[in-house]
């Protein structure tokens, strides 16, 4: 994340990283990658969507707080 925030975002004008986190209810226990991404600061694009119909939950990470923090160090 630090590399993306400091080296990539300024060059391409990116502020957000987005992912489609896999959710698979067909296995036990349910496979939910959104829990993994949320540990690293990703947030749900749609908080009201608890179980996605297509098997993916859109999530995003705002790079701006990280960029500001790194520039101030």
Protein backbone atom coordinates (compact mmCIF):
# COMPACT_ATOMS: atom_id res chain seq x y z
CA UNK A 1 0.00 0.00 0.00
CA UNK A 2 2.79 2.38 0.89
CA UNK A 3 4.42 1.89 -2.52
CA UNK A 4 1.14 2.52 -4.34
CA UNK A 5 0.41 5.58 -2.22
CA UNK A 6 3.78 7.24 -2.77
CA UNK A 7 4.84 6.08 -6.24
CA UNK A 8 1.82 5.13 -8.28
CA UNK A 9 -1.06 7.36 -7.19
CA UNK A 10 0.69 10.64 -8.09
CA UNK A 11 1.68 9.35 -11.52
CA UNK A 12 -1.74 8.06 -12.53
CA UNK A 13 -3.99 10.26 -10.40
CA UNK A 14 -5.42 7.40 -8.33
CA UNK A 15 -6.98 8.01 -4.96
CA UNK A 16 -8.79 4.71 -4.37
CA UNK A 17 -7.87 1.05 -4.70
CA UNK A 18 -10.86 -1.17 -5.44
CA UNK A 19 -11.31 -4.92 -5.17
CA UNK A 20 -14.13 -7.38 -5.73
CA UNK A 21 -13.94 -9.66 -2.70
CA UNK A 22 -15.11 -13.21 -3.35
CA UNK A 23 -17.98 -14.55 -1.24
CA UNK A 24 -18.81 -18.23 -1.69
CA UNK A 25 -21.79 -19.54 0.27
CA UNK A 26 -21.58 -22.98 -1.35
CA UNK A 27 -18.77 -24.18 0.92
CA UNK A 28 -18.69 -24.71 4.67
CA UNK A 29 -17.62 -22.54 6.32
CA UNK A 30 -18.60 -19.77 3.90
CA UNK A 31 -15.62 -18.32 2.06
CA UNK A 32 -15.60 -14.53 2.53
CA UNK A 33 -12.53 -12.59 1.33
CA UNK A 34 -14.05 -9.28 2.46
CA UNK A 35 -12.95 -10.12 6.01
CA UNK A 36 -9.35 -10.31 4.78
CA UNK A 37 -9.53 -6.97 2.97
CA UNK A 38 -11.29 -5.22 5.86
CA UNK A 39 -8.31 -6.06 8.09
CA UNK A 40 -6.20 -3.84 5.82
CA UNK A 41 -8.58 -0.89 5.85
CA UNK A 42 -10.79 -1.64 2.86
CA UNK A 43 -14.42 -0.56 3.24
CA UNK A 44 -17.57 -1.86 1.58
CA UNK A 45 -18.79 0.15 -1.40
CA UNK A 46 -22.35 -0.79 -0.42
CA UNK A 47 -22.75 -1.33 3.33
CA UNK A 48 -26.30 -2.67 2.88
CA UNK A 49 -25.24 -5.57 0.64
CA UNK A 50 -24.60 -8.39 3.11
CA UNK A 51 -24.65 -11.40 0.80
CA UNK A 52 -23.86 -10.50 -2.81
CA UNK A 53 -25.95 -12.18 -5.50
CA UNK A 54 -23.04 -12.37 -7.96
CA UNK A 55 -20.56 -13.75 -5.41
CA UNK A 56 -18.46 -10.60 -5.08
CA UNK A 57 -18.54 -7.62 -2.71
CA UNK A 58 -17.04 -4.39 -4.01
CA UNK A 59 -14.63 -2.75 -1.58
CA UNK A 60 -12.36 0.28 -1.69
CA UNK A 61 -9.34 1.71 0.11
CA UNK A 62 -8.87 5.49 0.31
CA UNK A 63 -5.19 6.23 -0.32
CA UNK A 64 -5.38 9.92 0.69
CA UNK A 65 -4.95 9.48 4.48
CA UNK A 66 -1.98 7.19 3.84
CA UNK A 67 -0.43 9.64 1.36
CA UNK A 68 -0.81 12.55 3.80
CA UNK A 69 0.63 10.50 6.65
CA UNK A 70 3.64 9.41 4.62
CA UNK A 71 4.35 12.92 3.37
CA UNK A 72 4.33 14.27 6.93
CA UNK A 73 6.98 11.80 8.13
